[in-house]
């Protein structure tokens, strides 16, 4: 970390950004800002400088903190750099209803949206988590998912501290280290997403690792392949489910460990301090854990939140005869690859800037490692010379690498309905036919 002796002027409502891998100092920063009534903006370290600048221009943080690996990158973003050797020249004034966290998620238009979570939202999400994971002072949480996401930060890590449990932080996910630390450090709970579950189960050390300390695992994603869940069940470890999103802090629906085998594949029932209902098949959530709104975006807030506090997730589900929710799809076009949300509009905006491309559409395709990957359908402009490598090169330094298409399909035209809207389900059907020969 940088060393300096200056005073950091931080007051109630100020934003402060963090760029780095998982580190205890990020948690220290969050708690310090909460005490002041200020707000932490955790940045996804996988994004490019251009993407970071878009986010920072929206929330206008007063300072940016970073770990050593991202010091140069942080210095290029045009925000004064803070350090952990400075003193904060401010008085404590934070309260439950103060904003404390802005977590950015790409919007359906390709523009990042900052979900604003209050101190109360994090607290009540913590209570939901304590119930979902049966957390107590005797527990030990192993956190390997990135804390710039609410999944890594709010799902187990902050709730463990609220419950008086201990936490082991991995700077970033590594399946070999995860397995080694389960055997050596003996955690009782951990959380993974499908891509990281697959990496663990497929690792050569999987079969020989002692997993007996784990009282349960939790999977944080909308849909987790049954095969990955069964792999843990066969080792005597129940796998619960957490359904939610950035805007719900994230815990909204939970599958408890006692239901893990009987209701394998279900997202579970509403979290303890949450209301959940289906409206025309779409999941709506209401509770103290729901965001206040999107930062600096009242129009998007009005679309997402009803006047009486229901958040419309855009996800589709059914409820069985026992009251358990089963996720059946997404009404939004978001692609979830390795636990990361990718919105097609952001990538379509990049493609649209290329004069050699007349039309384009981006959809998700099945991927055995990441769950989903990006496929770009491209219609070339008349007489344009364009191949797959040239299309893929358009994304370099524009968007994070994990968002890049894994495949480009050239077509003569895009299927459209009578209103001119591209029929993306037809494009997915085309991919399905190609996959099936």
Protein backbone atom coordinates (compact mmCIF):
# COMPACT_ATOMS: atom_id res chain seq x y z
CA UNK A 1 0.00 0.00 0.00
CA UNK A 2 1.04 3.61 -0.49
CA UNK A 3 2.50 5.39 2.52
CA UNK A 4 1.62 8.96 3.38
CA UNK A 5 0.75 11.05 6.39
CA UNK A 6 -1.95 13.27 4.90
CA UNK A 7 -5.44 13.59 6.29
CA UNK A 8 -8.22 12.16 4.15
CA UNK A 9 -11.21 14.46 4.08
CA UNK A 10 -14.20 12.10 4.05
CA UNK A 11 -17.67 13.21 5.06
CA UNK A 12 -21.13 11.70 5.16
CA UNK A 13 -22.31 10.67 1.71
CA UNK A 14 -18.84 10.73 0.09
CA UNK A 15 -17.93 7.81 -2.16
CA UNK A 16 -14.62 5.96 -1.86
CA UNK A 17 -13.57 3.29 -4.39
CA UNK A 18 -11.65 0.07 -3.79
CA UNK A 19 -9.70 -1.78 -6.52
CA UNK A 20 -7.98 -4.99 -5.56
CA UNK A 21 -8.17 -8.67 -4.78
CA UNK A 22 -9.85 -9.91 -1.60
CA UNK A 23 -8.07 -8.36 1.37
CA UNK A 24 -8.96 -7.63 5.01
CA UNK A 25 -8.22 -3.96 4.34
CA UNK A 26 -11.26 -3.78 2.07
CA UNK A 27 -13.41 -4.84 5.03
CA UNK A 28 -11.67 -2.31 7.28
CA UNK A 29 -12.40 0.39 4.69
CA UNK A 30 -16.06 -0.61 4.48
CA UNK A 31 -16.52 -0.47 8.26
CA UNK A 32 -14.68 2.84 8.54
CA UNK A 33 -16.85 4.41 5.85
CA UNK A 34 -20.01 3.02 7.44
CA UNK A 35 -19.03 4.68 10.72
CA UNK A 36 -18.77 7.99 8.88
CA UNK A 37 -21.93 7.57 6.84
CA UNK A 38 -19.82 7.37 3.67
CA UNK A 39 -20.05 4.86 0.82
CA UNK A 40 -17.74 2.15 -0.56
CA UNK A 41 -17.64 1.49 -4.30
CA UNK A 42 -15.89 -1.87 -4.91
CA UNK A 43 -14.53 -2.14 -8.45
CA UNK A 44 -14.38 -5.35 -10.45
CA UNK A 45 -10.64 -5.81 -11.03
CA UNK A 46 -11.36 -7.75 -14.22
CA UNK A 47 -12.67 -4.66 -16.00
CA UNK A 48 -10.61 -2.45 -18.28
CA UNK A 49 -9.54 1.09 -17.43
CA UNK A 50 -12.15 2.40 -19.86
CA UNK A 51 -14.89 0.50 -18.04
CA UNK A 52 -13.64 1.71 -14.66
CA UNK A 53 -13.63 5.31 -15.86
CA UNK A 54 -17.27 5.01 -16.92
CA UNK A 55 -18.23 3.81 -13.44
CA UNK A 56 -16.14 6.43 -11.67
CA UNK A 57 -17.59 9.21 -13.81
CA UNK A 58 -21.03 8.12 -12.61
CA UNK A 59 -20.40 7.89 -8.86
CA UNK A 60 -17.54 10.43 -8.59
CA UNK A 61 -15.58 8.98 -5.66
CA UNK A 62 -13.42 11.29 -3.61
CA UNK A 63 -10.65 8.72 -3.19
CA UNK A 64 -9.60 5.38 -4.59
CA UNK A 65 -7.80 2.73 -2.53
CA UNK A 66 -6.01 -0.20 -4.13
CA UNK A 67 -3.72 -3.06 -3.29
CA UNK A 68 -0.18 -3.23 -4.67
CA UNK A 69 -1.08 -5.22 -7.80
CA UNK A 70 -3.50 -2.51 -8.96
CA UNK A 71 -1.64 0.58 -7.82
CA UNK A 72 -0.57 1.61 -11.33
CA UNK A 73 -4.01 0.88 -12.77
CA UNK A 74 -5.69 2.89 -10.02
CA UNK A 75 -3.28 5.74 -10.66
CA UNK A 76 -4.42 5.94 -14.28
CA UNK A 77 -8.06 6.51 -13.41
CA UNK A 78 -7.82 10.18 -12.46
CA UNK A 79 -8.99 9.78 -8.84
CA UNK A 80 -6.77 10.76 -5.87
CA UNK A 81 -5.30 7.67 -4.24
CA UNK A 82 -5.87 7.05 -0.56
CA UNK A 83 -3.77 4.86 1.72
CA UNK A 84 -4.23 3.00 4.97
CA UNK A 85 -1.60 5.02 6.81
CA UNK A 86 -3.63 8.21 6.61
CA UNK A 87 -6.01 9.50 9.22
CA UNK A 88 -9.57 10.40 8.41
CA UNK A 89 -10.46 13.94 9.42
CA UNK A 90 -14.15 13.43 10.12
CA UNK A 91 -16.60 12.64 12.90
CA UNK A 92 -18.70 9.50 13.22
CA UNK A 93 -22.20 10.06 11.86
CA UNK A 94 -23.30 6.82 10.15
CA UNK A 95 -26.78 5.39 10.70
CA UNK A 96 -28.84 2.39 9.56
CA UNK A 97 -30.58 4.17 6.71
CA UNK A 98 -27.39 5.67 5.25
CA UNK A 99 -26.10 4.40 1.93
CA UNK A 100 -22.95 2.32 2.46
CA UNK A 101 -22.32 0.35 -0.72
CA UNK A 102 -22.69 0.98 -4.46
CA UNK A 103 -22.20 -2.17 -6.50
CA UNK A 104 -22.21 -1.76 -10.26
CA UNK A 105 -23.95 -4.20 -12.55
CA UNK A 106 -24.30 -3.79 -16.31
CA UNK A 107 -27.70 -2.57 -17.41
CA UNK A 108 -29.74 -3.98 -20.26
CA UNK A 109 -28.72 -0.94 -22.32
CA UNK A 110 -25.04 -1.70 -21.75
CA UNK A 111 -24.67 1.18 -19.31
CA UNK A 112 -23.46 0.13 -15.83
CA UNK A 113 -25.98 0.71 -13.05
CA UNK A 114 -24.94 1.21 -9.44
CA UNK A 115 -27.19 -0.61 -6.99
CA UNK A 116 -27.25 1.41 -3.76
CA UNK A 117 -27.36 -0.66 -0.57
CA UNK A 118 -27.92 0.90 2.84
CA UNK A 119 -26.36 -0.13 6.14
CA UNK A 120 -29.73 -1.62 7.09
CA UNK A 121 -29.79 -3.67 3.86
CA UNK A 122 -26.44 -5.24 4.72
CA UNK A 123 -27.56 -5.89 8.30
CA UNK A 124 -30.83 -7.60 7.35
CA UNK A 125 -29.09 -9.51 4.57
CA UNK A 126 -26.71 -10.68 7.31
CA UNK A 127 -29.63 -11.96 9.36
CA UNK A 128 -30.93 -13.78 6.28
CA UNK A 129 -27.51 -15.36 5.81
CA UNK A 130 -27.20 -16.43 9.45
CA UNK A 131 -30.47 -18.30 9.05
CA UNK A 132 -29.61 -19.71 5.61
CA UNK A 133 -26.23 -21.07 6.72
CA UNK A 134 -27.06 -21.79 10.37
CA UNK A 135 -24.12 -19.52 11.26
CA UNK A 136 -22.77 -19.32 14.79
CA UNK A 137 -19.59 -18.28 16.61
CA UNK A 138 -18.18 -21.78 16.12
CA UNK A 139 -18.29 -21.53 12.33
CA UNK A 140 -15.40 -20.83 10.00
CA UNK A 141 -16.17 -19.43 6.53
CA UNK A 142 -13.80 -19.88 3.60
CA UNK A 143 -14.29 -16.99 1.14
CA UNK A 144 -12.85 -17.52 -2.31
CA UNK A 145 -15.28 -15.58 -4.49
CA UNK A 146 -14.41 -11.93 -5.22
CA UNK A 147 -15.72 -9.40 -2.71
CA UNK A 148 -16.35 -6.80 -5.40
CA UNK A 149 -19.52 -8.85 -5.92
CA UNK A 150 -22.26 -9.00 -3.30
CA UNK A 151 -21.93 -12.79 -3.49
CA UNK A 152 -18.38 -12.80 -2.17
CA UNK A 153 -18.87 -9.91 0.26
CA UNK A 154 -22.42 -10.20 1.59
CA UNK A 155 -23.37 -13.83 1.18
CA UNK A 156 -21.16 -15.29 3.91
CA UNK A 157 -18.23 -12.99 4.69
CA UNK A 158 -19.96 -10.04 6.40
CA UNK A 159 -22.64 -12.32 7.94
CA UNK A 160 -19.90 -14.46 9.48
CA UNK A 161 -18.46 -11.41 11.21
CA UNK A 162 -21.95 -10.42 12.34
CA UNK A 163 -22.41 -13.89 13.86
CA UNK A 164 -18.98 -13.83 15.51
CA UNK A 165 -17.60 -16.57 13.25
CA UNK A 166 -14.10 -16.59 11.73
CA UNK A 167 -13.23 -16.02 8.08
CA UNK A 168 -10.40 -17.15 5.84
CA UNK A 169 -10.00 -14.93 2.76
CA UNK A 170 -8.48 -16.14 -0.47
CA UNK A 171 -7.16 -13.28 -2.56
CA UNK A 172 -8.71 -14.89 -5.62
CA UNK A 173 -10.16 -18.28 -6.42
CA UNK A 174 -7.78 -21.15 -7.05
CA UNK A 175 -9.18 -24.72 -6.92
CA UNK A 176 -5.94 -26.23 -5.62
CA UNK A 177 -5.71 -23.67 -2.81
CA UNK A 178 -9.41 -24.07 -1.98
CA UNK A 179 -9.02 -27.82 -1.59
CA UNK A 180 -5.77 -27.48 0.35
CA UNK A 181 -7.29 -24.98 2.79
CA UNK A 182 -10.40 -27.08 3.35
CA UNK A 183 -8.10 -29.87 4.46
CA UNK A 184 -5.65 -27.69 6.41
CA UNK A 185 -7.75 -24.88 7.90
CA UNK A 186 -10.91 -26.95 8.42
CA UNK A 187 -13.65 -24.44 7.45
CA UNK A 188 -17.26 -25.38 8.11
CA UNK A 189 -18.90 -23.44 5.25
CA UNK A 190 -17.95 -22.12 1.83
CA UNK A 191 -19.70 -20.68 -1.20
CA UNK A 192 -18.98 -21.35 -4.87
CA UNK A 193 -20.65 -20.70 -8.22
CA UNK A 194 -21.02 -23.31 -11.00
CA UNK A 195 -17.71 -22.51 -12.72
CA UNK A 196 -15.74 -22.74 -9.46
CA UNK A 197 -17.67 -25.83 -8.34
CA UNK A 198 -16.69 -27.47 -11.61
CA UNK A 199 -13.05 -26.46 -11.16
CA UNK A 200 -12.98 -28.00 -7.67
CA UNK A 201 -14.74 -31.23 -8.61
CA UNK A 202 -12.54 -31.67 -11.70
CA UNK A 203 -9.27 -31.03 -9.86
CA UNK A 204 -6.91 -34.01 -9.46
CA UNK A 205 -6.84 -33.45 -5.69
CA UNK A 206 -10.64 -33.65 -5.33
CA UNK A 207 -10.92 -37.36 -4.59
CA UNK A 208 -8.12 -37.40 -2.01
CA UNK A 209 -8.94 -34.20 -0.10
CA UNK A 210 -10.44 -34.43 3.38
CA UNK A 211 -13.68 -32.42 3.21
CA UNK A 212 -15.11 -33.65 6.51
CA UNK A 213 -14.97 -30.24 8.22
CA UNK A 214 -17.63 -28.84 5.87
CA UNK A 215 -21.08 -28.98 7.45
CA UNK A 216 -22.50 -27.64 4.16
CA UNK A 217 -21.70 -25.88 0.91
CA UNK A 218 -23.72 -23.19 -0.74
CA UNK A 219 -24.05 -22.54 -4.43
CA UNK A 220 -24.66 -18.95 -5.44
CA UNK A 221 -26.26 -18.90 -8.86
CA UNK A 222 -29.67 -19.13 -10.48
CA UNK A 223 -29.21 -22.63 -11.88
CA UNK A 224 -26.54 -25.09 -10.74
CA UNK A 225 -26.06 -28.36 -12.67
CA UNK A 226 -27.31 -31.33 -10.65
CA UNK A 227 -24.10 -33.25 -11.39
CA UNK A 228 -21.99 -30.73 -9.44
CA UNK A 229 -24.36 -30.81 -6.49
CA UNK A 230 -24.38 -34.61 -6.44
CA UNK A 231 -20.58 -34.69 -6.45
CA UNK A 232 -20.63 -33.00 -3.02
CA UNK A 233 -23.60 -35.01 -1.81
CA UNK A 234 -21.66 -38.18 -2.57
CA UNK A 235 -18.97 -36.89 -0.21
CA UNK A 236 -21.59 -36.38 2.53
CA UNK A 237 -21.76 -32.58 2.15
CA UNK A 238 -25.20 -31.03 1.62
CA UNK A 239 -25.30 -28.23 -0.96
CA UNK A 240 -27.74 -25.41 -0.25
CA UNK A 241 -28.77 -22.74 -2.71
CA UNK A 242 -28.82 -18.96 -2.54
CA UNK A 243 -30.93 -17.14 -5.10
CA UNK A 244 -30.75 -13.39 -5.36
CA UNK A 245 -29.05 -10.56 -7.18
CA UNK A 246 -27.01 -7.44 -6.57
CA UNK A 247 -30.15 -5.45 -5.94
CA UNK A 248 -31.26 -7.78 -3.10
CA UNK A 249 -27.88 -7.72 -1.31
CA UNK A 250 -28.13 -10.70 -2.56
CA UNK A 251 -30.05 -13.19 -0.38
CA UNK A 252 -33.72 -13.55 -1.37
CA UNK A 253 -34.48 -17.29 -1.63
CA UNK A 254 -32.58 -20.02 0.20
CA UNK A 255 -32.42 -23.81 0.18
CA UNK A 256 -31.49 -24.97 3.69
CA UNK A 257 -29.11 -27.86 4.26
CA UNK A 258 -31.88 -30.11 5.59
CA UNK A 259 -33.70 -29.74 2.24
CA UNK A 260 -30.60 -30.04 0.05
CA UNK A 261 -31.09 -33.67 -0.97
CA UNK A 262 -34.90 -33.79 -0.94
CA UNK A 263 -35.23 -30.65 -3.08
CA UNK A 264 -32.05 -30.92 -5.14
CA UNK A 265 -32.11 -28.27 -7.87
CA UNK A 266 -34.59 -25.99 -6.12
CA UNK A 267 -33.67 -22.44 -5.11
CA UNK A 268 -35.60 -23.01 -1.86
CA UNK A 269 -38.01 -20.76 0.03
CA UNK A 270 -38.00 -17.01 0.74
CA UNK A 271 -35.24 -15.89 3.10
CA UNK A 272 -36.23 -15.34 6.71
CA UNK A 273 -36.65 -11.55 6.47
CA UNK A 274 -37.83 -11.40 2.86
CA UNK A 275 -41.08 -11.43 0.95
CA UNK A 276 -41.11 -13.13 -2.44
CA UNK A 277 -43.93 -13.53 -4.94
CA UNK A 278 -44.47 -14.38 -8.59
CA UNK A 279 -46.10 -11.86 -10.89
CA UNK A 280 -46.82 -13.41 -14.28
CA UNK A 281 -44.07 -15.91 -13.49
CA UNK A 282 -41.49 -13.21 -12.63
CA UNK A 283 -39.86 -13.18 -9.20
CA UNK A 284 -40.51 -10.04 -7.15
CA UNK A 285 -38.70 -9.43 -3.86
CA UNK A 286 -39.42 -7.05 -1.00
CA UNK A 287 -37.55 -6.53 2.27
CA UNK A 288 -35.05 -4.42 4.18
CA UNK A 289 -32.29 -6.09 2.16
CA UNK A 290 -33.51 -4.62 -1.16
CA UNK A 291 -31.55 -1.73 -2.67
CA UNK A 292 -32.64 1.86 -2.22
CA UNK A 293 -32.35 2.34 -5.98
CA UNK A 294 -29.78 2.84 -8.72
CA UNK A 295 -27.25 5.59 -8.19
CA UNK A 296 -28.00 8.69 -10.22
CA UNK A 297 -30.57 6.80 -12.33
CA UNK A 298 -34.16 7.55 -11.26
CA UNK A 299 -35.59 6.24 -14.53
CA UNK A 300 -34.03 2.79 -14.09
CA UNK A 301 -35.04 2.81 -10.43
CA UNK A 302 -38.66 3.50 -11.32
CA UNK A 303 -38.68 0.56 -13.72
CA UNK A 304 -37.11 -1.86 -11.23
CA UNK A 305 -38.90 -0.86 -8.00
CA UNK A 306 -42.63 -0.52 -7.44
CA UNK A 307 -43.92 2.35 -5.25
CA UNK A 308 -44.58 -0.13 -2.43
CA UNK A 309 -41.05 -1.54 -2.46
CA UNK A 310 -41.15 -4.65 -4.64
CA UNK A 311 -38.03 -5.27 -6.74
CA UNK A 312 -38.75 -6.89 -10.10
CA UNK A 313 -35.88 -9.31 -10.73
CA UNK A 314 -36.65 -10.20 -14.33
CA UNK A 315 -36.09 -13.88 -13.46
CA UNK A 316 -38.75 -16.52 -14.03
CA UNK A 317 -39.72 -19.29 -11.62
CA UNK A 318 -42.42 -21.72 -10.56
CA UNK A 319 -43.48 -22.73 -7.06
CA UNK A 320 -44.13 -26.39 -6.22
CA UNK A 321 -46.81 -27.79 -3.93
CA UNK A 322 -44.51 -27.42 -0.90
CA UNK A 323 -43.78 -23.74 -1.53
CA UNK A 324 -40.27 -24.21 -2.97
CA UNK A 325 -39.13 -22.00 -5.84
CA UNK A 326 -37.62 -23.46 -9.00
CA UNK A 327 -35.85 -21.07 -11.36
CA UNK A 328 -36.86 -21.73 -14.95
CA UNK A 329 -35.21 -18.93 -16.88
CA UNK A 330 -34.55 -15.24 -17.27
CA UNK A 331 -36.77 -12.67 -18.84
CA UNK A 332 -33.72 -10.44 -19.14
CA UNK A 333 -31.08 -11.27 -21.72
CA UNK A 334 -28.21 -11.35 -19.27
CA UNK A 335 -25.58 -14.03 -19.88
CA UNK A 336 -24.02 -15.56 -16.76
CA UNK A 337 -20.55 -16.88 -17.49
CA UNK A 338 -18.50 -18.23 -14.59
CA UNK A 339 -20.67 -16.31 -12.14
CA UNK A 340 -20.17 -12.99 -13.96
CA UNK A 341 -23.09 -11.11 -15.51
CA UNK A 342 -22.61 -10.13 -19.15
CA UNK A 343 -25.21 -7.97 -20.87
CA UNK A 344 -25.45 -8.39 -24.66
CA UNK A 345 -26.17 -4.70 -25.27
CA UNK A 346 -22.73 -3.71 -24.01
CA UNK A 347 -21.05 -6.02 -26.55
CA UNK A 348 -23.47 -5.12 -29.32
CA UNK A 349 -22.48 -1.48 -28.81
CA UNK A 350 -18.85 -2.42 -29.50
CA UNK A 351 -19.77 -4.32 -32.65
CA UNK A 352 -21.99 -1.50 -33.86
CA UNK A 353 -18.99 0.86 -33.90
CA UNK A 354 -17.37 -1.21 -36.66
CA UNK A 355 -18.25 0.06 -40.17
CA UNK A 356 -17.66 -3.42 -41.61
CA UNK A 357 -20.61 -4.76 -39.60
CA UNK A 358 -24.12 -4.05 -40.85
CA UNK A 359 -26.03 -5.84 -38.08
CA UNK A 360 -25.19 -7.84 -34.98
CA UNK A 361 -26.70 -9.68 -32.05
CA UNK A 362 -25.14 -11.29 -29.00
CA UNK A 363 -26.57 -14.33 -27.21
CA UNK A 364 -25.43 -16.84 -24.64
CA UNK A 365 -24.45 -20.37 -25.60
CA UNK A 366 -23.89 -23.42 -23.43
CA UNK A 367 -20.34 -23.89 -22.22
CA UNK A 368 -19.19 -26.96 -20.24
CA UNK A 369 -16.71 -24.98 -18.15
CA UNK A 370 -18.34 -21.58 -17.61
CA UNK A 371 -22.03 -22.50 -17.82
CA UNK A 372 -22.56 -19.96 -20.57
CA UNK A 373 -20.30 -18.17 -23.01
CA UNK A 374 -20.84 -15.33 -25.46
CA UNK A 375 -21.65 -15.91 -29.12
CA UNK A 376 -21.80 -12.98 -31.56
CA UNK A 377 -23.92 -13.16 -34.71
CA UNK A 378 -22.63 -10.78 -37.36
CA UNK A 379 -23.99 -9.56 -40.69
CA UNK A 380 -21.20 -8.07 -42.77
CA UNK A 381 -21.61 -4.72 -44.50
CA UNK A 382 -21.68 -4.89 -48.30
CA UNK A 383 -18.25 -5.79 -49.74
CA UNK A 384 -16.71 -5.87 -46.24
CA UNK A 385 -13.74 -8.13 -45.61
CA UNK A 386 -14.12 -9.50 -42.08
CA UNK A 387 -13.21 -12.73 -40.36
CA UNK A 388 -13.64 -14.05 -36.81
CA UNK A 389 -10.25 -12.84 -35.58
CA UNK A 390 -10.99 -9.30 -36.77
CA UNK A 391 -14.32 -9.31 -34.94
CA UNK A 392 -12.75 -10.60 -31.72
CA UNK A 393 -10.04 -7.93 -31.94
CA UNK A 394 -12.72 -5.23 -31.66
CA UNK A 395 -13.19 -6.07 -27.97
CA UNK A 396 -9.55 -5.73 -26.93
CA UNK A 397 -9.15 -2.97 -24.32
CA UNK A 398 -12.85 -2.08 -24.72
CA UNK A 399 -14.38 -4.61 -22.34
CA UNK A 400 -13.06 -7.18 -19.86
CA UNK A 401 -11.73 -10.38 -21.39
CA UNK A 402 -14.35 -12.58 -19.74
CA UNK A 403 -17.00 -10.71 -21.74
CA UNK A 404 -15.36 -11.40 -25.10
CA UNK A 405 -17.23 -13.70 -27.49
CA UNK A 406 -15.98 -17.27 -27.62
CA UNK A 407 -17.53 -17.69 -31.04
CA UNK A 408 -18.53 -15.53 -34.02
CA UNK A 409 -21.20 -16.71 -36.45
CA UNK A 410 -21.57 -14.89 -39.77
CA UNK A 411 -25.11 -14.82 -41.16
CA UNK A 412 -26.79 -13.15 -44.13
CA UNK A 413 -29.48 -11.57 -41.95
CA UNK A 414 -30.89 -11.62 -38.44
CA UNK A 415 -34.33 -13.12 -37.73
CA UNK A 416 -36.82 -10.41 -36.80
CA UNK A 417 -40.48 -10.23 -35.87
CA UNK A 418 -43.09 -7.99 -37.46
CA UNK A 419 -41.98 -5.09 -35.26
CA UNK A 420 -38.37 -5.46 -36.40
CA UNK A 421 -37.11 -6.86 -33.08
CA UNK A 422 -34.33 -9.44 -33.40
CA UNK A 423 -35.59 -12.89 -32.38
CA UNK A 424 -32.71 -14.08 -30.24
CA UNK A 425 -34.40 -17.36 -29.40
CA UNK A 426 -34.15 -18.23 -33.11
CA UNK A 427 -30.41 -17.56 -32.96
CA UNK A 428 -30.14 -19.86 -29.94
CA UNK A 429 -32.08 -22.52 -31.80
CA UNK A 430 -29.57 -22.22 -34.64
CA UNK A 431 -26.75 -22.83 -32.17
CA UNK A 432 -28.62 -25.81 -30.77
CA UNK A 433 -29.08 -27.36 -34.19
CA UNK A 434 -25.40 -26.90 -34.99
CA UNK A 435 -24.41 -28.49 -31.66
CA UNK A 436 -26.64 -31.50 -32.36
CA UNK A 437 -25.20 -32.01 -35.80
